Structure formats: structure tokens, C-alpha cells
mmCIF file of all heavy atoms, coordinates in Angstrom:
data_MODEL
# 
_entry.id   MODEL 
# 
loop_
_atom_site.group_PDB 
_atom_site.id 
_atom_site.type_symbol 
_atom_site.label_atom_id 
_atom_site.label_alt_id 
_atom_site.label_comp_id 
_atom_site.label_asym_id 
_atom_site.label_entity_id 
_atom_site.label_seq_id 
_atom_site.pdbx_PDB_ins_code 
_atom_site.Cartn_x 
_atom_site.Cartn_y 
_atom_site.Cartn_z 
_atom_site.occupancy 
_atom_site.B_iso_or_equiv 
_atom_site.pdbx_formal_charge 
_atom_site.auth_seq_id 
_atom_site.auth_comp_id 
_atom_site.auth_asym_id 
_atom_site.auth_atom_id 
_atom_site.pdbx_PDB_model_num 
ATOM 1   N N   . GLY A 1 1  ? 223.392 -83.865 126.836 1.00 0.00 ? 1  GLY A N   1 
ATOM 2   C CA  . GLY A 1 1  ? 224.480 -83.067 127.323 1.00 0.00 ? 1  GLY A CA  1 
ATOM 3   C C   . GLY A 1 1  ? 224.420 -81.618 126.927 1.00 0.00 ? 1  GLY A C   1 
ATOM 4   O O   . GLY A 1 1  ? 225.211 -80.799 127.440 1.00 0.00 ? 1  GLY A O   1 
ATOM 5   N N   . TRP A 1 2  ? 223.592 -81.275 125.963 1.00 0.00 ? 2  TRP A N   1 
ATOM 6   C CA  . TRP A 1 2  ? 223.628 -79.866 125.363 1.00 0.00 ? 2  TRP A CA  1 
ATOM 7   C C   . TRP A 1 2  ? 223.359 -78.812 126.427 1.00 0.00 ? 2  TRP A C   1 
ATOM 8   O O   . TRP A 1 2  ? 223.978 -77.717 126.347 1.00 0.00 ? 2  TRP A O   1 
ATOM 9   C CB  . TRP A 1 2  ? 222.638 -79.765 124.275 1.00 0.00 ? 2  TRP A CB  1 
ATOM 10  C CG  . TRP A 1 2  ? 222.875 -78.516 123.493 1.00 0.00 ? 2  TRP A CG  1 
ATOM 11  C CD1 . TRP A 1 2  ? 222.151 -77.387 123.527 1.00 0.00 ? 2  TRP A CD1 1 
ATOM 12  C CD2 . TRP A 1 2  ? 223.927 -78.270 122.615 1.00 0.00 ? 2  TRP A CD2 1 
ATOM 13  N NE1 . TRP A 1 2  ? 222.726 -76.394 122.699 1.00 0.00 ? 2  TRP A NE1 1 
ATOM 14  C CE2 . TRP A 1 2  ? 223.825 -76.882 122.151 1.00 0.00 ? 2  TRP A CE2 1 
ATOM 15  C CE3 . TRP A 1 2  ? 224.980 -79.040 122.102 1.00 0.00 ? 2  TRP A CE3 1 
ATOM 16  C CZ2 . TRP A 1 2  ? 224.727 -76.364 121.250 1.00 0.00 ? 2  TRP A CZ2 1 
ATOM 17  C CZ3 . TRP A 1 2  ? 225.890 -78.462 121.180 1.00 0.00 ? 2  TRP A CZ3 1 
ATOM 18  C CH2 . TRP A 1 2  ? 225.765 -77.099 120.778 1.00 0.00 ? 2  TRP A CH2 1 
ATOM 19  N N   . PRO A 1 3  ? 222.566 -78.959 127.355 1.00 0.00 ? 3  PRO A N   1 
ATOM 20  C CA  . PRO A 1 3  ? 222.284 -77.904 128.373 1.00 0.00 ? 3  PRO A CA  1 
ATOM 21  C C   . PRO A 1 3  ? 223.576 -77.448 129.120 1.00 0.00 ? 3  PRO A C   1 
ATOM 22  O O   . PRO A 1 3  ? 223.656 -76.347 129.613 1.00 0.00 ? 3  PRO A O   1 
ATOM 23  C CB  . PRO A 1 3  ? 221.253 -78.418 129.309 1.00 0.00 ? 3  PRO A CB  1 
ATOM 24  C CG  . PRO A 1 3  ? 220.480 -79.419 128.480 1.00 0.00 ? 3  PRO A CG  1 
ATOM 25  C CD  . PRO A 1 3  ? 221.570 -80.027 127.613 1.00 0.00 ? 3  PRO A CD  1 
ATOM 26  N N   . GLN A 1 4  ? 224.590 -78.314 129.191 1.00 0.00 ? 4  GLN A N   1 
ATOM 27  C CA  . GLN A 1 4  ? 225.794 -78.009 129.948 1.00 0.00 ? 4  GLN A CA  1 
ATOM 28  C C   . GLN A 1 4  ? 226.865 -77.377 129.042 1.00 0.00 ? 4  GLN A C   1 
ATOM 29  O O   . GLN A 1 4  ? 227.901 -76.914 129.484 1.00 0.00 ? 4  GLN A O   1 
ATOM 30  C CB  . GLN A 1 4  ? 226.400 -79.233 130.566 1.00 0.00 ? 4  GLN A CB  1 
ATOM 31  C CG  . GLN A 1 4  ? 225.584 -79.744 131.811 1.00 0.00 ? 4  GLN A CG  1 
ATOM 32  C CD  . GLN A 1 4  ? 224.406 -80.530 131.350 1.00 0.00 ? 4  GLN A CD  1 
ATOM 33  O OE1 . GLN A 1 4  ? 224.453 -81.358 130.440 1.00 0.00 ? 4  GLN A OE1 1 
ATOM 34  N NE2 . GLN A 1 4  ? 223.287 -80.286 132.023 1.00 0.00 ? 4  GLN A NE2 1 
ATOM 35  N N   . VAL A 1 5  ? 226.629 -77.298 127.683 1.00 0.00 ? 5  VAL A N   1 
ATOM 36  C CA  . VAL A 1 5  ? 227.617 -76.749 126.732 1.00 0.00 ? 5  VAL A CA  1 
ATOM 37  C C   . VAL A 1 5  ? 227.622 -75.222 126.829 1.00 0.00 ? 5  VAL A C   1 
ATOM 38  O O   . VAL A 1 5  ? 226.554 -74.643 126.722 1.00 0.00 ? 5  VAL A O   1 
ATOM 39  C CB  . VAL A 1 5  ? 227.353 -77.203 125.348 1.00 0.00 ? 5  VAL A CB  1 
ATOM 40  C CG1 . VAL A 1 5  ? 228.275 -76.497 124.271 1.00 0.00 ? 5  VAL A CG1 1 
ATOM 41  C CG2 . VAL A 1 5  ? 227.464 -78.770 125.156 1.00 0.00 ? 5  VAL A CG2 1 
ATOM 42  N N   . SER A 1 6  ? 228.776 -74.622 126.980 1.00 0.00 ? 6  SER A N   1 
ATOM 43  C CA  . SER A 1 6  ? 228.843 -73.165 127.082 1.00 0.00 ? 6  SER A CA  1 
ATOM 44  C C   . SER A 1 6  ? 230.001 -72.715 126.256 1.00 0.00 ? 6  SER A C   1 
ATOM 45  O O   . SER A 1 6  ? 230.979 -73.444 126.089 1.00 0.00 ? 6  SER A O   1 
ATOM 46  C CB  . SER A 1 6  ? 228.916 -72.619 128.478 1.00 0.00 ? 6  SER A CB  1 
ATOM 47  O OG  . SER A 1 6  ? 230.179 -72.933 129.021 1.00 0.00 ? 6  SER A OG  1 
ATOM 48  N N   . LEU A 1 7  ? 229.973 -71.492 125.776 1.00 0.00 ? 7  LEU A N   1 
ATOM 49  C CA  . LEU A 1 7  ? 230.958 -70.913 124.896 1.00 0.00 ? 7  LEU A CA  1 
ATOM 50  C C   . LEU A 1 7  ? 231.150 -69.465 125.161 1.00 0.00 ? 7  LEU A C   1 
ATOM 51  O O   . LEU A 1 7  ? 230.214 -68.774 125.366 1.00 0.00 ? 7  LEU A O   1 
ATOM 52  C CB  . LEU A 1 7  ? 230.511 -71.130 123.468 1.00 0.00 ? 7  LEU A CB  1 
ATOM 53  C CG  . LEU A 1 7  ? 231.450 -70.652 122.323 1.00 0.00 ? 7  LEU A CG  1 
ATOM 54  C CD1 . LEU A 1 7  ? 232.698 -71.571 122.356 1.00 0.00 ? 7  LEU A CD1 1 
ATOM 55  C CD2 . LEU A 1 7  ? 230.779 -70.668 120.939 1.00 0.00 ? 7  LEU A CD2 1 
ATOM 56  N N   . GLU A 1 8  ? 232.401 -69.037 125.312 1.00 0.00 ? 8  GLU A N   1 
ATOM 57  C CA  . GLU A 1 8  ? 232.773 -67.658 125.475 1.00 0.00 ? 8  GLU A CA  1 
ATOM 58  C C   . GLU A 1 8  ? 233.772 -67.314 124.396 1.00 0.00 ? 8  GLU A C   1 
ATOM 59  O O   . GLU A 1 8  ? 234.595 -68.146 123.994 1.00 0.00 ? 8  GLU A O   1 
ATOM 60  C CB  . GLU A 1 8  ? 233.449 -67.384 126.838 1.00 0.00 ? 8  GLU A CB  1 
ATOM 61  C CG  . GLU A 1 8  ? 232.509 -67.696 127.988 1.00 0.00 ? 8  GLU A CG  1 
ATOM 62  C CD  . GLU A 1 8  ? 233.198 -67.643 129.313 1.00 0.00 ? 8  GLU A CD  1 
ATOM 63  O OE1 . GLU A 1 8  ? 234.384 -67.249 129.356 1.00 0.00 ? 8  GLU A OE1 1 
ATOM 64  O OE2 . GLU A 1 8  ? 232.641 -68.051 130.348 1.00 0.00 ? 8  GLU A OE2 1 
ATOM 65  N N   . ALA A 1 9  ? 233.674 -66.078 123.936 1.00 0.00 ? 9  ALA A N   1 
ATOM 66  C CA  . ALA A 1 9  ? 234.681 -65.654 122.868 1.00 0.00 ? 9  ALA A CA  1 
ATOM 67  C C   . ALA A 1 9  ? 235.242 -64.294 123.270 1.00 0.00 ? 9  ALA A C   1 
ATOM 68  O O   . ALA A 1 9  ? 234.582 -63.513 123.905 1.00 0.00 ? 9  ALA A O   1 
ATOM 69  C CB  . ALA A 1 9  ? 233.982 -65.593 121.532 1.00 0.00 ? 9  ALA A CB  1 
ATOM 70  N N   . THR A 1 10 ? 236.498 -63.980 122.727 1.00 0.00 ? 10 THR A N   1 
ATOM 71  C CA  . THR A 1 10 ? 237.078 -62.701 122.894 1.00 0.00 ? 10 THR A CA  1 
ATOM 72  C C   . THR A 1 10 ? 236.786 -61.765 121.717 1.00 0.00 ? 10 THR A C   1 
ATOM 73  O O   . THR A 1 10 ? 236.342 -62.260 120.695 1.00 0.00 ? 10 THR A O   1 
ATOM 74  C CB  . THR A 1 10 ? 238.604 -62.872 122.990 1.00 0.00 ? 10 THR A CB  1 
ATOM 75  O OG1 . THR A 1 10 ? 239.109 -63.309 121.730 1.00 0.00 ? 10 THR A OG1 1 
ATOM 76  C CG2 . THR A 1 10 ? 239.030 -63.781 124.129 1.00 0.00 ? 10 THR A CG2 1 
ATOM 77  N N   . THR A 1 11 ? 236.980 -60.564 121.980 1.00 0.00 ? 11 THR A N   1 
ATOM 78  C CA  . THR A 1 11 ? 236.947 -59.600 120.831 1.00 0.00 ? 11 THR A CA  1 
ATOM 79  C C   . THR A 1 11 ? 238.124 -59.830 119.918 1.00 0.00 ? 11 THR A C   1 
ATOM 80  O O   . THR A 1 11 ? 239.177 -60.263 120.430 1.00 0.00 ? 11 THR A O   1 
ATOM 81  C CB  . THR A 1 11 ? 236.989 -58.154 121.425 1.00 0.00 ? 11 THR A CB  1 
ATOM 82  O OG1 . THR A 1 11 ? 235.944 -57.940 122.358 1.00 0.00 ? 11 THR A OG1 1 
ATOM 83  C CG2 . THR A 1 11 ? 236.984 -57.098 120.341 1.00 0.00 ? 11 THR A CG2 1 
ATOM 84  N N   . ALA A 1 12 ? 237.955 -59.645 118.610 1.00 0.00 ? 12 ALA A N   1 
ATOM 85  C CA  . ALA A 1 12 ? 239.046 -59.835 117.672 1.00 0.00 ? 12 ALA A CA  1 
ATOM 86  C C   . ALA A 1 12 ? 240.262 -58.981 118.126 1.00 0.00 ? 12 ALA A C   1 
ATOM 87  O O   . ALA A 1 12 ? 240.096 -57.867 118.552 1.00 0.00 ? 12 ALA A O   1 
ATOM 88  C CB  . ALA A 1 12 ? 238.547 -59.525 116.297 1.00 0.00 ? 12 ALA A CB  1 
ATOM 89  N N   . GLN A 1 13 ? 241.503 -59.602 117.951 1.00 0.00 ? 13 GLN A N   1 
ATOM 90  C CA  . GLN A 1 13 ? 242.613 -58.946 118.468 1.00 0.00 ? 13 GLN A CA  1 
ATOM 91  C C   . GLN A 1 13 ? 243.671 -58.988 117.325 1.00 0.00 ? 13 GLN A C   1 
ATOM 92  O O   . GLN A 1 13 ? 243.853 -59.971 116.671 1.00 0.00 ? 13 GLN A O   1 
ATOM 93  C CB  . GLN A 1 13 ? 243.156 -59.604 119.736 1.00 0.00 ? 13 GLN A CB  1 
ATOM 94  C CG  . GLN A 1 13 ? 242.290 -59.491 120.870 1.00 0.00 ? 13 GLN A CG  1 
ATOM 95  C CD  . GLN A 1 13 ? 242.872 -60.135 122.120 1.00 0.00 ? 13 GLN A CD  1 
ATOM 96  O OE1 . GLN A 1 13 ? 243.438 -61.202 122.032 1.00 0.00 ? 13 GLN A OE1 1 
ATOM 97  N NE2 . GLN A 1 13 ? 242.668 -59.466 123.252 1.00 0.00 ? 13 GLN A NE2 1 
ATOM 98  N N   . VAL A 1 14 ? 244.470 -57.948 117.270 1.00 0.00 ? 14 VAL A N   1 
ATOM 99  C CA  . VAL A 1 14 ? 245.723 -57.941 116.558 1.00 0.00 ? 14 VAL A CA  1 
ATOM 100 C C   . VAL A 1 14 ? 246.846 -57.822 117.521 1.00 0.00 ? 14 VAL A C   1 
ATOM 101 O O   . VAL A 1 14 ? 246.922 -56.834 118.242 1.00 0.00 ? 14 VAL A O   1 
ATOM 102 C CB  . VAL A 1 14 ? 245.741 -56.784 115.490 1.00 0.00 ? 14 VAL A CB  1 
ATOM 103 C CG1 . VAL A 1 14 ? 247.164 -56.757 114.849 1.00 0.00 ? 14 VAL A CG1 1 
ATOM 104 C CG2 . VAL A 1 14 ? 244.657 -56.913 114.450 1.00 0.00 ? 14 VAL A CG2 1 
ATOM 105 N N   . GLY A 1 15 ? 247.630 -58.894 117.651 1.00 0.00 ? 15 GLY A N   1 
ATOM 106 C CA  . GLY A 1 15 ? 248.600 -58.930 118.721 1.00 0.00 ? 15 GLY A CA  1 
ATOM 107 C C   . GLY A 1 15 ? 247.812 -59.074 120.030 1.00 0.00 ? 15 GLY A C   1 
ATOM 108 O O   . GLY A 1 15 ? 246.949 -59.920 120.157 1.00 0.00 ? 15 GLY A O   1 
ATOM 109 N N   . ASP A 1 16 ? 248.072 -58.215 120.981 1.00 0.00 ? 16 ASP A N   1 
ATOM 110 C CA  . ASP A 1 16 ? 247.344 -58.261 122.275 1.00 0.00 ? 16 ASP A CA  1 
ATOM 111 C C   . ASP A 1 16 ? 246.341 -57.196 122.461 1.00 0.00 ? 16 ASP A C   1 
ATOM 112 O O   . ASP A 1 16 ? 245.694 -57.050 123.447 1.00 0.00 ? 16 ASP A O   1 
ATOM 113 C CB  . ASP A 1 16 ? 248.363 -58.081 123.453 1.00 0.00 ? 16 ASP A CB  1 
ATOM 114 C CG  . ASP A 1 16 ? 249.299 -59.261 123.534 1.00 0.00 ? 16 ASP A CG  1 
ATOM 115 O OD1 . ASP A 1 16 ? 248.901 -60.383 123.091 1.00 0.00 ? 16 ASP A OD1 1 
ATOM 116 O OD2 . ASP A 1 16 ? 250.410 -59.112 124.053 1.00 0.00 ? 16 ASP A OD2 1 
ATOM 117 N N   . GLN A 1 17 ? 246.059 -56.425 121.350 1.00 0.00 ? 17 GLN A N   1 
ATOM 118 C CA  . GLN A 1 17 ? 245.112 -55.323 121.343 1.00 0.00 ? 17 GLN A CA  1 
ATOM 119 C C   . GLN A 1 17 ? 243.796 -55.651 120.677 1.00 0.00 ? 17 GLN A C   1 
ATOM 120 O O   . GLN A 1 17 ? 243.807 -56.125 119.534 1.00 0.00 ? 17 GLN A O   1 
ATOM 121 C CB  . GLN A 1 17 ? 245.787 -54.120 120.674 1.00 0.00 ? 17 GLN A CB  1 
ATOM 122 C CG  . GLN A 1 17 ? 247.025 -53.610 121.357 1.00 0.00 ? 17 GLN A CG  1 
ATOM 123 C CD  . GLN A 1 17 ? 246.817 -53.245 122.767 1.00 0.00 ? 17 GLN A CD  1 
ATOM 124 O OE1 . GLN A 1 17 ? 245.900 -52.462 123.069 1.00 0.00 ? 17 GLN A OE1 1 
ATOM 125 N NE2 . GLN A 1 17 ? 247.697 -53.657 123.640 1.00 0.00 ? 17 GLN A NE2 1 
ATOM 126 N N   . PRO A 1 18 ? 242.665 -55.451 121.381 1.00 0.00 ? 18 PRO A N   1 
ATOM 127 C CA  . PRO A 1 18 ? 241.406 -55.586 120.679 1.00 0.00 ? 18 PRO A CA  1 
ATOM 128 C C   . PRO A 1 18 ? 241.277 -54.561 119.537 1.00 0.00 ? 18 PRO A C   1 
ATOM 129 O O   . PRO A 1 18 ? 241.732 -53.470 119.640 1.00 0.00 ? 18 PRO A O   1 
ATOM 130 C CB  . PRO A 1 18 ? 240.382 -55.209 121.800 1.00 0.00 ? 18 PRO A CB  1 
ATOM 131 C CG  . PRO A 1 18 ? 241.076 -55.295 123.093 1.00 0.00 ? 18 PRO A CG  1 
ATOM 132 C CD  . PRO A 1 18 ? 242.586 -55.016 122.771 1.00 0.00 ? 18 PRO A CD  1 
ATOM 133 N N   . VAL A 1 19 ? 240.585 -54.970 118.520 1.00 0.00 ? 19 VAL A N   1 
ATOM 134 C CA  . VAL A 1 19 ? 240.439 -54.053 117.336 1.00 0.00 ? 19 VAL A CA  1 
ATOM 135 C C   . VAL A 1 19 ? 239.031 -53.828 117.078 1.00 0.00 ? 19 VAL A C   1 
ATOM 136 O O   . VAL A 1 19 ? 238.168 -54.647 117.147 1.00 0.00 ? 19 VAL A O   1 
ATOM 137 C CB  . VAL A 1 19 ? 241.101 -54.706 116.099 1.00 0.00 ? 19 VAL A CB  1 
ATOM 138 C CG1 . VAL A 1 19 ? 242.587 -54.793 116.239 1.00 0.00 ? 19 VAL A CG1 1 
ATOM 139 C CG2 . VAL A 1 19 ? 240.464 -55.951 115.733 1.00 0.00 ? 19 VAL A CG2 1 
ATOM 140 N N   . ALA A 1 20 ? 238.744 -52.557 116.776 1.00 0.00 ? 20 ALA A N   1 
ATOM 141 C CA  . ALA A 1 20 ? 237.411 -52.127 116.273 1.00 0.00 ? 20 ALA A CA  1 
ATOM 142 C C   . ALA A 1 20 ? 237.462 -51.833 114.814 1.00 0.00 ? 20 ALA A C   1 
ATOM 143 O O   . ALA A 1 20 ? 236.494 -51.949 114.133 1.00 0.00 ? 20 ALA A O   1 
ATOM 144 C CB  . ALA A 1 20 ? 236.924 -50.902 117.036 1.00 0.00 ? 20 ALA A CB  1 
ATOM 145 N N   . GLU A 1 21 ? 238.631 -51.553 114.305 1.00 0.00 ? 21 GLU A N   1 
ATOM 146 C CA  . GLU A 1 21 ? 238.864 -51.239 112.887 1.00 0.00 ? 21 GLU A CA  1 
ATOM 147 C C   . GLU A 1 21 ? 240.126 -51.998 112.432 1.00 0.00 ? 21 GLU A C   1 
ATOM 148 O O   . GLU A 1 21 ? 241.065 -52.032 113.215 1.00 0.00 ? 21 GLU A O   1 
ATOM 149 C CB  . GLU A 1 21 ? 238.974 -49.799 112.612 1.00 0.00 ? 21 GLU A CB  1 
ATOM 150 C CG  . GLU A 1 21 ? 237.773 -48.940 112.921 1.00 0.00 ? 21 GLU A CG  1 
ATOM 151 C CD  . GLU A 1 21 ? 237.919 -47.508 112.566 1.00 0.00 ? 21 GLU A CD  1 
ATOM 152 O OE1 . GLU A 1 21 ? 238.998 -47.143 111.976 1.00 0.00 ? 21 GLU A OE1 1 
ATOM 153 O OE2 . GLU A 1 21 ? 236.976 -46.737 112.856 1.00 0.00 ? 21 GLU A OE2 1 
ATOM 154 N N   . MET A 1 22 ? 240.176 -52.491 111.234 1.00 0.00 ? 22 MET A N   1 
ATOM 155 C CA  . MET A 1 22 ? 241.362 -53.049 110.684 1.00 0.00 ? 22 MET A CA  1 
ATOM 156 C C   . MET A 1 22 ? 241.508 -52.692 109.242 1.00 0.00 ? 22 MET A C   1 
ATOM 157 O O   . MET A 1 22 ? 240.497 -52.385 108.560 1.00 0.00 ? 22 MET A O   1 
ATOM 158 C CB  . MET A 1 22 ? 241.449 -54.584 110.862 1.00 0.00 ? 22 MET A CB  1 
ATOM 159 C CG  . MET A 1 22 ? 240.258 -55.361 111.018 1.00 0.00 ? 22 MET A CG  1 
ATOM 160 S SD  . MET A 1 22 ? 240.534 -57.068 111.395 1.00 0.00 ? 22 MET A SD  1 
ATOM 161 C CE  . MET A 1 22 ? 240.464 -57.865 109.877 1.00 0.00 ? 22 MET A CE  1 
ATOM 162 N N   . ALA A 1 23 ? 242.748 -52.714 108.746 1.00 0.00 ? 23 ALA A N   1 
ATOM 163 C CA  . ALA A 1 23 ? 242.960 -52.507 107.310 1.00 0.00 ? 23 ALA A CA  1 
ATOM 164 C C   . ALA A 1 23 ? 242.407 -53.560 106.480 1.00 0.00 ? 23 ALA A C   1 
ATOM 165 O O   . ALA A 1 23 ? 242.185 -54.660 106.958 1.00 0.00 ? 23 ALA A O   1 
ATOM 166 C CB  . ALA A 1 23 ? 244.458 -52.354 107.114 1.00 0.00 ? 23 ALA A CB  1 
ATOM 167 N N   . ALA A 1 24 ? 242.125 -53.282 105.202 1.00 0.00 ? 24 ALA A N   1 
ATOM 168 C CA  . ALA A 1 24 ? 241.479 -54.161 104.312 1.00 0.00 ? 24 ALA A CA  1 
ATOM 169 C C   . ALA A 1 24 ? 242.312 -55.436 104.128 1.00 0.00 ? 24 ALA A C   1 
ATOM 170 O O   . ALA A 1 24 ? 241.761 -56.514 103.798 1.00 0.00 ? 24 ALA A O   1 
ATOM 171 C CB  . ALA A 1 24 ? 241.213 -53.523 102.922 1.00 0.00 ? 24 ALA A CB  1 
ATOM 172 N N   . ASP A 1 25 ? 243.606 -55.428 104.274 1.00 0.00 ? 25 ASP A N   1 
ATOM 173 C CA  . ASP A 1 25 ? 244.394 -56.594 104.058 1.00 0.00 ? 25 ASP A CA  1 
ATOM 174 C C   . ASP A 1 25 ? 244.871 -57.289 105.373 1.00 0.00 ? 25 ASP A C   1 
ATOM 175 O O   . ASP A 1 25 ? 245.681 -58.166 105.405 1.00 0.00 ? 25 ASP A O   1 
ATOM 176 C CB  . ASP A 1 25 ? 245.618 -56.251 103.178 1.00 0.00 ? 25 ASP A CB  1 
ATOM 177 C CG  . ASP A 1 25 ? 246.524 -55.260 103.823 1.00 0.00 ? 25 ASP A CG  1 
ATOM 178 O OD1 . ASP A 1 25 ? 246.142 -54.572 104.757 1.00 0.00 ? 25 ASP A OD1 1 
ATOM 179 O OD2 . ASP A 1 25 ? 247.668 -55.129 103.339 1.00 0.00 ? 25 ASP A OD2 1 
ATOM 180 N N   . ALA A 1 26 ? 244.308 -56.864 106.492 1.00 0.00 ? 26 ALA A N   1 
ATOM 181 C CA  . ALA A 1 26 ? 244.750 -57.301 107.860 1.00 0.00 ? 26 ALA A CA  1 
ATOM 182 C C   . ALA A 1 26 ? 243.941 -58.526 108.224 1.00 0.00 ? 26 ALA A C   1 
ATOM 183 O O   . ALA A 1 26 ? 242.926 -58.889 107.665 1.00 0.00 ? 26 ALA A O   1 
ATOM 184 C CB  . ALA A 1 26 ? 244.576 -56.219 108.847 1.00 0.00 ? 26 ALA A CB  1 
ATOM 185 N N   . THR A 1 27 ? 244.525 -59.222 109.239 1.00 0.00 ? 27 THR A N   1 
ATOM 186 C CA  . THR A 1 27 ? 243.803 -60.344 109.880 1.00 0.00 ? 27 THR A CA  1 
ATOM 187 C C   . THR A 1 27 ? 243.877 -60.080 111.407 1.00 0.00 ? 27 THR A C   1 
ATOM 188 O O   . THR A 1 27 ? 244.812 -59.511 111.952 1.00 0.00 ? 27 THR A O   1 
ATOM 189 C CB  . THR A 1 27 ? 244.400 -61.697 109.563 1.00 0.00 ? 27 THR A CB  1 
ATOM 190 O OG1 . THR A 1 27 ? 245.784 -61.685 109.974 1.00 0.00 ? 27 THR A OG1 1 
ATOM 191 C CG2 . THR A 1 27 ? 244.390 -62.024 108.102 1.00 0.00 ? 27 THR A CG2 1 
ATOM 192 N N   . ALA A 1 28 ? 242.837 -60.564 112.048 1.00 0.00 ? 28 ALA A N   1 
ATOM 193 C CA  . ALA A 1 28 ? 242.852 -60.533 113.504 1.00 0.00 ? 28 ALA A CA  1 
ATOM 194 C C   . ALA A 1 28 ? 242.520 -61.928 114.033 1.00 0.00 ? 28 ALA A C   1 
ATOM 195 O O   . ALA A 1 28 ? 242.121 -62.810 113.262 1.00 0.00 ? 28 ALA A O   1 
ATOM 196 C CB  . ALA A 1 28 ? 241.653 -59.576 113.966 1.00 0.00 ? 28 ALA A CB  1 
# 
């Protein structure tokens, strides 16, 4: 079954906004 397994991911987000930078104590 492995050939049919697919995966897509989003860019890390804080709230609804994609983030390129985050504060040292933040989470996305």
C-alpha cells in the first residue's frame, strides 16, 4: 500500500497567518 500514501503540509501558522519568523517563546 505504500505507493498510494501521500502527505501534504501547511506552512507553520500563528492564528491564520503563515509565519517566517517567530519570537523565542512563541509556538506555531
